[in-house]
C-alpha cells in the first residue's frame, strides 16, 4: 500500500509540475501574441470610443482578463477539478467549483484594478521616480491584504468556527503562550467540503493573527501531531521569517520595477508602443513580471526551504515531539499525495519546503 501511494504521488506531482511549466509557457505565448497582433491596441481604442477615461482601465482589465480566463478554462478545469477528482483528493461538485472560480476571478479583478489604477496614477504624476513610488504602494497594499485575508477573503470560501475541541484549543493557546506568540484564537474551517487534503496555518497580521485548522487535519491527527505542526508555524513568527520574506519580496518588487523603468523603452518599441502610459501596453508589464518570476522563483524557493528547516528545528526543540513530527509528516505525505523524493531540478524550481523525506531524516537526526 505504501508503494502504491508513493507511485500515485509521483504521478500526481508530475502532472502538477508539468502544468506549472505549461502555464508559464502559455502566458508567455499569449501576451506577446496579444500585443503583436494589435488586439491589445484594438481593444483599448474601442473601449475609448464608448467610455470616458476613468472607466477605460477597469473595462480593459475586465475584458482582457475574461478573454484569458476563457482561453485558459479547459486547462483550469482539468488542473484544479478533474485532476483532483482523478486522484481522489477532491469532494467538490462542479457547481461549487464554478462558484469558487467566480469568486477568485472577482477578487483577482478587484486587486488587479487597485494595483493597475495606482500604477497609472503614479506614472502620470511622477515620471522620474514612478518605479519607486509604485513599488512602495504595492508593498504597502500586500501588507494590508495580509491583514484582511483572514477576516474577508478566507470566509468567502470556507466557514469559520471556533475550535470545538476545547482540550486541543487550550493546548494550542498554551503553546502560543509558551512561545510568546499572541493570537486572537483558534479556528477550524470546513476544508472537507472541497478537498480531502489537510492543512493548518497561522495567518493574519496584528490583531487578526489566528490559528486555522482544516477539519481534515483536526479529525485525523493526534493532539501531539497538531501541536508540533503549530509549533512549526509559531516558529516562523518567533524567528521573524515573515519579516524576512516581506523584505525579500519587497526587494524583488523594487528591483523589478526599476528594471522595467530602465529597459521598457526598448520593449515598448518592439511591440509598437511609445509609452507605458498607454493602457494597451499593460501586457508588457505582465511579460516582465512573468519573466522575473521565472528567474526569482528558484531563489525564493531556496531561501524558503532554509527558513522552513529552521522552523522545523525550533518546533522539535520546543515540543520534544520527534515521534509525533515524523508520524505527522508520514500522514501528510499520504493524505496530500506529496512527492517525497523529487528530482533535484523539480526541487530547485518548485519546492519552497524541504521534501518530506528530508524533513523526516532531519527529525531523526536531532
Protein backbone atom coordinates (compact mmCIF):
# COMPACT_ATOMS: atom_id res chain seq x y z
CA UNK A 1 0.00 0.00 0.00
CA UNK A 2 2.87 2.40 0.81
CA UNK A 3 4.40 1.73 -2.61
CA UNK A 4 1.05 2.33 -4.28
CA UNK A 5 0.68 5.71 -2.53
CA UNK A 6 4.28 6.56 -3.40
CA UNK A 7 3.71 5.93 -7.11
CA UNK A 8 0.34 7.73 -7.13
CA UNK A 9 2.03 10.73 -5.52
CA UNK A 10 4.76 10.65 -8.17
CA UNK A 11 2.19 10.60 -10.99
CA UNK A 12 0.08 13.33 -9.40
CA UNK A 13 3.10 15.56 -8.77
CA UNK A 14 4.47 15.04 -12.27
CA UNK A 15 1.21 16.27 -13.78
CA UNK A 16 1.09 19.29 -11.41
CA UNK A 17 4.69 20.28 -12.23
CA UNK A 18 4.04 19.84 -15.96
CA UNK A 19 1.06 22.18 -15.71
CA UNK A 20 3.13 24.71 -13.78
CA UNK A 21 5.67 24.79 -16.62
CA UNK A 22 2.92 24.84 -19.22
CA UNK A 23 1.22 27.80 -17.53
CA UNK A 24 4.42 29.85 -17.78
CA UNK A 25 4.94 28.95 -21.44
CA UNK A 26 1.27 29.57 -22.23
CA UNK A 27 1.15 33.07 -20.75
CA UNK A 28 4.46 33.96 -22.42
CA UNK A 29 2.91 32.86 -25.71
CA UNK A 30 -0.43 34.65 -25.30
CA UNK A 31 0.83 38.02 -24.05
CA UNK A 32 3.26 38.75 -26.93
CA UNK A 33 0.64 37.45 -29.38
CA UNK A 34 -1.95 39.80 -27.87
CA UNK A 35 0.45 42.71 -28.35
CA UNK A 36 1.98 41.84 -31.73
CA UNK A 37 -1.33 41.14 -33.48
CA UNK A 38 -2.63 44.56 -32.42
CA UNK A 39 -5.50 43.04 -30.44
CA UNK A 40 -4.50 44.98 -27.33
CA UNK A 41 -4.50 48.30 -29.23
CA UNK A 42 -7.81 47.46 -30.90
CA UNK A 43 -9.40 46.62 -27.57
CA UNK A 44 -8.13 49.82 -25.93
CA UNK A 45 -9.22 52.05 -28.83
CA UNK A 46 -12.72 50.51 -29.00
CA UNK A 47 -13.17 50.96 -25.26
CA UNK A 48 -12.07 54.61 -25.57
CA UNK A 49 -14.82 55.20 -28.15
CA UNK A 50 -17.58 54.29 -25.70
CA UNK A 51 -16.19 55.13 -22.26
CA UNK A 52 -14.60 58.19 -20.69
CA UNK A 53 -11.04 57.92 -19.34
CA UNK A 54 -11.65 56.86 -15.71
CA UNK A 55 -13.61 53.83 -16.94
CA UNK A 56 -11.23 52.69 -19.67
CA UNK A 57 -8.78 50.99 -17.31
CA UNK A 58 -11.44 48.92 -15.45
CA UNK A 59 -13.06 47.94 -18.77
CA UNK A 60 -9.74 46.96 -20.41
CA UNK A 61 -8.69 44.84 -17.43
CA UNK A 62 -12.10 43.16 -17.24
CA UNK A 63 -12.33 42.26 -20.94
CA UNK A 64 -8.69 41.16 -21.22
CA UNK A 65 -8.99 39.08 -18.04
CA UNK A 66 -12.19 37.43 -19.24
CA UNK A 67 -10.52 36.64 -22.56
CA UNK A 68 -7.59 34.96 -20.82
CA UNK A 69 -9.91 33.09 -18.45
CA UNK A 70 -11.88 31.68 -21.40
CA UNK A 71 -8.70 30.60 -23.20
CA UNK A 72 -7.33 29.02 -20.04
CA UNK A 73 -10.61 27.43 -18.90
CA UNK A 74 -10.02 23.92 -20.39
CA UNK A 75 -6.66 23.71 -18.61
CA UNK A 76 -8.01 25.28 -15.42
CA UNK A 77 -10.89 22.82 -15.06
CA UNK A 78 -8.52 19.91 -15.60
CA UNK A 79 -5.75 21.02 -13.24
CA UNK A 80 -7.96 22.17 -10.36
CA UNK A 81 -11.07 19.97 -10.69
CA UNK A 82 -10.73 16.88 -12.88
CA UNK A 83 -7.19 16.07 -11.76
CA UNK A 84 -8.10 16.39 -8.07
CA UNK A 85 -11.05 14.03 -8.57
CA UNK A 86 -8.97 11.62 -10.62
CA UNK A 87 -6.61 11.18 -7.68
CA UNK A 88 -9.46 11.13 -5.12
CA UNK A 89 -8.34 14.38 -3.50
CA UNK A 90 -11.49 16.43 -4.07
CA UNK A 91 -15.05 16.20 -2.79
CA UNK A 92 -16.26 19.34 -4.56
CA UNK A 93 -19.17 19.40 -7.00
CA UNK A 94 -18.71 21.13 -10.36
CA UNK A 95 -21.30 23.78 -9.47
CA UNK A 96 -19.42 24.66 -6.27
CA UNK A 97 -16.14 24.71 -8.18
CA UNK A 98 -17.63 27.16 -10.69
CA UNK A 99 -18.85 29.38 -7.86
CA UNK A 100 -15.34 29.41 -6.38
CA UNK A 101 -13.91 30.29 -9.77
CA UNK A 102 -16.24 33.29 -9.99
CA UNK A 103 -15.19 34.41 -6.51
CA UNK A 104 -11.49 34.00 -7.34
CA UNK A 105 -11.91 35.91 -10.59
CA UNK A 106 -13.74 38.74 -8.81
CA UNK A 107 -11.12 39.03 -6.08
CA UNK A 108 -8.27 38.94 -8.60
CA UNK A 109 -10.04 41.58 -10.69
CA UNK A 110 -10.52 43.95 -7.74
CA UNK A 111 -6.91 43.56 -6.60
CA UNK A 112 -5.59 43.98 -10.14
CA UNK A 113 -7.74 47.08 -10.67
CA UNK A 114 -6.42 48.72 -7.49
CA UNK A 115 -2.78 47.97 -8.35
CA UNK A 116 -3.05 48.97 -12.01
CA UNK A 117 -5.03 52.14 -11.28
CA UNK A 118 -2.39 53.15 -8.73
CA UNK A 119 0.33 52.36 -11.28
CA UNK A 120 -1.12 54.69 -13.93
CA UNK A 121 -1.91 57.42 -11.40
CA UNK A 122 1.67 57.42 -10.07
CA UNK A 123 3.21 57.02 -13.53
CA UNK A 124 1.43 60.17 -14.75
CA UNK A 125 2.46 62.32 -11.80
CA UNK A 126 5.98 61.12 -11.03
CA UNK A 127 7.59 60.22 -14.38
CA UNK A 128 11.14 60.15 -12.96
CA UNK A 129 10.64 58.11 -9.78
CA UNK A 130 7.39 56.29 -10.50
CA UNK A 131 9.14 52.92 -10.17
CA UNK A 132 10.00 53.60 -6.52
CA UNK A 133 6.60 55.01 -5.52
CA UNK A 134 4.72 52.21 -7.29
CA UNK A 135 6.92 49.63 -5.54
CA UNK A 136 6.22 51.17 -2.14
CA UNK A 137 2.48 51.25 -2.82
CA UNK A 138 2.43 47.61 -3.94
CA UNK A 139 4.39 46.58 -0.83
CA UNK A 140 2.04 48.54 1.43
CA UNK A 141 -1.01 47.05 -0.30
CA UNK A 142 0.33 43.49 0.15
CA UNK A 143 0.61 44.12 3.91
CA UNK A 144 -2.98 45.41 4.03
CA UNK A 145 -4.10 42.35 2.08
CA UNK A 146 -2.30 40.02 4.53
CA UNK A 147 -4.19 41.67 7.38
CA UNK A 148 -7.57 41.42 5.64
CA UNK A 149 -7.23 37.89 4.22
CA UNK A 150 -8.30 36.03 7.40
CA UNK A 151 -11.35 38.22 8.01
CA UNK A 152 -12.57 38.91 4.47
CA UNK A 153 -11.15 36.56 1.83
CA UNK A 154 -10.95 33.17 3.59
CA UNK A 155 -14.59 33.39 4.82
CA UNK A 156 -15.69 33.76 1.19
CA UNK A 157 -14.56 30.18 0.57
CA UNK A 158 -14.82 28.42 3.94
CA UNK A 159 -16.97 28.59 7.05
CA UNK A 160 -15.15 29.65 10.19
CA UNK A 161 -15.95 28.48 13.67
CA UNK A 162 -14.07 28.47 16.94
CA UNK A 163 -12.20 25.21 17.52
CA UNK A 164 -14.74 22.87 19.11
CA UNK A 165 -12.18 20.59 20.79
CA UNK A 166 -11.60 22.62 23.95
CA UNK A 167 -8.74 20.40 25.12
CA UNK A 168 -6.90 20.91 21.84
CA UNK A 169 -7.74 24.63 21.83
CA UNK A 170 -6.24 25.14 25.29
CA UNK A 171 -3.20 23.12 24.30
CA UNK A 172 -2.62 25.39 21.29
CA UNK A 173 -3.16 28.55 23.35
CA UNK A 174 -0.71 27.26 25.97
CA UNK A 175 1.83 26.53 23.24
CA UNK A 176 1.40 30.06 21.87
CA UNK A 177 1.93 31.47 25.37
CA UNK A 178 5.00 29.27 25.86
CA UNK A 179 6.47 30.52 22.58
CA UNK A 180 5.36 34.10 23.36
CA UNK A 181 3.13 34.37 20.32
CA UNK A 182 -0.02 36.48 20.59
CA UNK A 183 -3.05 35.08 18.75
CA UNK A 184 -6.71 36.04 18.59
CA UNK A 185 -7.95 32.45 18.93
CA UNK A 186 -8.04 29.02 17.29
CA UNK A 187 -10.48 28.29 14.48
CA UNK A 188 -11.44 25.37 12.27
CA UNK A 189 -12.67 25.57 8.70
CA UNK A 190 -14.73 23.13 6.65
CA UNK A 191 -11.94 22.05 4.30
CA UNK A 192 -13.65 18.70 3.72
CA UNK A 193 -16.44 20.26 1.65
CA UNK A 194 -13.85 20.91 -1.08
CA UNK A 195 -10.85 18.62 -0.57
CA UNK A 196 -9.51 15.64 1.35
CA UNK A 197 -6.11 17.29 1.75
CA UNK A 198 -5.01 18.50 5.18
CA UNK A 199 -3.66 21.88 6.18
CA UNK A 200 -3.05 24.20 9.12
CA UNK A 201 -1.95 27.81 9.18
CA UNK A 202 -1.05 30.76 11.36
CA UNK A 203 -2.42 33.71 9.40
CA UNK A 204 -3.06 37.41 9.72
CA UNK A 205 -1.15 40.48 10.82
CA UNK A 206 -1.51 42.37 14.10
CA UNK A 207 -4.90 41.86 15.74
CA UNK A 208 -6.07 39.47 13.00
CA UNK A 209 -3.43 36.79 13.81
CA UNK A 210 -5.13 33.44 14.31
CA UNK A 211 -4.65 29.69 14.08
CA UNK A 212 -6.68 27.92 11.41
CA UNK A 213 -7.06 24.13 11.34
CA UNK A 214 -8.68 22.28 8.46
CA UNK A 215 -11.25 19.78 9.68
CA UNK A 216 -9.48 17.19 7.52
CA UNK A 217 -6.45 17.65 9.78
CA UNK A 218 -8.19 18.19 13.14
CA UNK A 219 -10.18 14.95 12.85
CA UNK A 220 -7.35 12.69 11.67
CA UNK A 221 -4.28 13.80 13.61
CA UNK A 222 -3.38 13.35 17.27
CA UNK A 223 -3.03 16.31 19.59
CA UNK A 224 0.73 15.75 19.68
CA UNK A 225 0.90 15.86 15.88
CA UNK A 226 -1.19 19.03 15.72
CA UNK A 227 0.90 20.67 18.43
CA UNK A 228 4.16 20.09 16.57
CA UNK A 229 2.59 21.39 13.34
CA UNK A 230 1.61 24.63 15.06
CA UNK A 231 4.92 24.86 16.88
CA UNK A 232 6.43 24.97 13.38
CA UNK A 233 4.04 27.77 12.37
CA UNK A 234 4.72 29.74 15.55
CA UNK A 235 8.46 29.28 14.99
CA UNK A 236 8.15 31.23 11.74
CA UNK A 237 6.81 34.14 13.77
CA UNK A 238 9.39 33.82 16.56
CA UNK A 239 12.27 33.67 14.07
CA UNK A 240 10.88 36.70 12.21
CA UNK A 241 10.59 34.73 8.99
CA UNK A 242 7.58 36.75 7.87
CA UNK A 243 9.57 39.97 8.13
CA UNK A 244 12.46 38.39 6.23
CA UNK A 245 10.14 37.19 3.45
CA UNK A 246 8.49 40.63 3.26
CA UNK A 247 11.92 42.24 2.90
CA UNK A 248 12.96 39.76 0.20
CA UNK A 249 9.72 40.21 -1.75
CA UNK A 250 9.92 43.98 -1.31
CA UNK A 251 13.44 44.00 -2.72
CA UNK A 252 12.31 41.90 -5.69
CA UNK A 253 9.40 44.28 -6.30
CA UNK A 254 11.63 47.38 -6.23
CA UNK A 255 14.29 45.80 -8.47
CA UNK A 256 11.61 44.56 -10.91
CA UNK A 257 10.03 47.98 -11.34
CA UNK A 258 13.43 49.65 -11.61
CA UNK A 259 14.42 47.26 -14.43
CA UNK A 260 11.11 48.00 -16.15
CA UNK A 261 11.85 51.72 -15.79
CA UNK A 262 15.32 51.33 -17.34
CA UNK A 263 14.56 48.87 -20.15
CA UNK A 264 10.88 49.20 -21.07
CA UNK A 265 11.53 51.77 -23.83
CA UNK A 266 13.22 49.07 -25.93
CA UNK A 267 10.49 46.52 -25.25
CA UNK A 268 7.75 49.05 -25.98
CA UNK A 269 9.28 49.91 -29.37
CA UNK A 270 9.40 46.21 -30.26
CA UNK A 271 5.66 45.96 -29.69
CA UNK A 272 4.86 49.30 -31.32
CA UNK A 273 4.20 51.48 -28.28
CA UNK A 274 5.56 54.88 -27.36
CA UNK A 275 4.95 54.87 -23.60
CA UNK A 276 3.96 52.70 -20.64
CA UNK A 277 1.13 55.16 -20.04
CA UNK A 278 -0.82 53.56 -22.91
CA UNK A 279 -3.32 51.13 -21.43
CA UNK A 280 -2.81 48.82 -24.41
CA UNK A 281 0.83 48.40 -23.29
CA UNK A 282 -0.20 46.87 -19.94
CA UNK A 283 0.62 43.29 -21.11
CA UNK A 284 4.26 44.41 -21.43
CA UNK A 285 4.36 44.80 -17.63
CA UNK A 286 2.86 41.32 -17.25
CA UNK A 287 5.54 39.85 -19.51
CA UNK A 288 8.23 41.44 -17.36
CA UNK A 289 6.77 40.08 -14.14
CA UNK A 290 6.31 36.61 -15.61
CA UNK A 291 9.97 36.52 -16.66
CA UNK A 292 11.09 37.96 -13.32
CA UNK A 293 9.04 35.25 -11.61
CA UNK A 294 10.82 32.52 -13.56
CA UNK A 295 14.20 33.96 -12.56
CA UNK A 296 13.44 34.65 -8.91
CA UNK A 297 11.31 31.59 -8.11
CA UNK A 298 14.28 29.21 -7.54
CA UNK A 299 15.99 31.82 -5.36
CA UNK A 300 12.87 32.40 -3.27
CA UNK A 301 12.28 28.64 -3.03
CA UNK A 302 15.83 28.06 -1.77
CA UNK A 303 15.55 30.79 0.87
CA UNK A 304 12.13 29.50 1.92
CA UNK A 305 13.47 25.94 2.34
CA UNK A 306 16.14 27.28 4.69
CA UNK A 307 13.54 29.10 6.76
CA UNK A 308 11.34 26.00 6.87
CA UNK A 309 14.25 23.91 8.12
CA UNK A 310 14.88 26.44 10.90
CA UNK A 311 11.20 26.34 11.85
CA UNK A 312 11.30 22.54 11.98
CA UNK A 313 14.32 22.74 14.28
CA UNK A 314 12.64 25.14 16.69
CA UNK A 315 9.39 23.13 16.68
CA UNK A 316 11.23 19.94 17.60
CA UNK A 317 13.29 21.67 20.28
CA UNK A 318 10.25 23.42 21.79
CA UNK A 319 7.92 20.42 21.92
CA UNK A 320 10.31 17.46 22.06
CA UNK A 321 7.74 15.57 19.98
CA UNK A 322 10.08 13.91 17.50
CA UNK A 323 7.92 10.80 17.00
CA UNK A 324 4.79 12.92 16.53
CA UNK A 325 6.62 15.08 13.97
CA UNK A 326 7.65 12.00 11.98
CA UNK A 327 4.20 10.39 12.10
CA UNK A 328 2.62 13.72 11.14
CA UNK A 329 4.89 14.00 8.10
CA UNK A 330 4.08 10.43 7.06
CA UNK A 331 0.35 11.17 7.28
CA UNK A 332 0.62 14.47 5.39
CA UNK A 333 2.63 12.84 2.61
CA UNK A 334 -0.01 10.15 2.12
CA UNK A 335 -3.05 12.39 2.56
CA UNK A 336 -1.82 15.20 0.26
CA UNK A 337 -0.01 12.91 -2.20
CA UNK A 338 3.22 14.83 -1.67
CA UNK A 339 6.30 13.98 -3.72
CA UNK A 340 8.62 12.69 -1.01
CA UNK A 341 11.72 12.44 -3.20
CA UNK A 342 11.50 14.98 -6.05
CA UNK A 343 14.10 15.23 -8.79
CA UNK A 344 16.75 17.84 -7.85
CA UNK A 345 15.64 20.13 -10.70
CA UNK A 346 11.99 19.95 -9.57
CA UNK A 347 13.08 20.66 -6.01
CA UNK A 348 15.23 23.57 -7.19
CA UNK A 349 12.37 25.30 -9.03
CA UNK A 350 9.20 24.38 -7.16
CA UNK A 351 9.84 23.29 -3.57
CA UNK A 352 9.52 26.07 -1.00
CA UNK A 353 9.60 23.40 1.75
CA UNK A 354 12.19 20.64 2.11
CA UNK A 355 10.82 17.37 0.70
CA UNK A 356 9.04 15.14 3.23
CA UNK A 357 11.79 12.51 3.38
CA UNK A 358 14.41 15.21 4.09
CA UNK A 359 12.28 16.62 6.91
CA UNK A 360 11.81 13.16 8.44
CA UNK A 361 15.55 12.44 8.17
CA UNK A 362 16.30 15.79 9.82
CA UNK A 363 13.92 15.00 12.71
CA UNK A 364 15.51 11.58 13.22
CA UNK A 365 18.97 13.16 13.36
CA UNK A 366 18.07 15.74 16.05
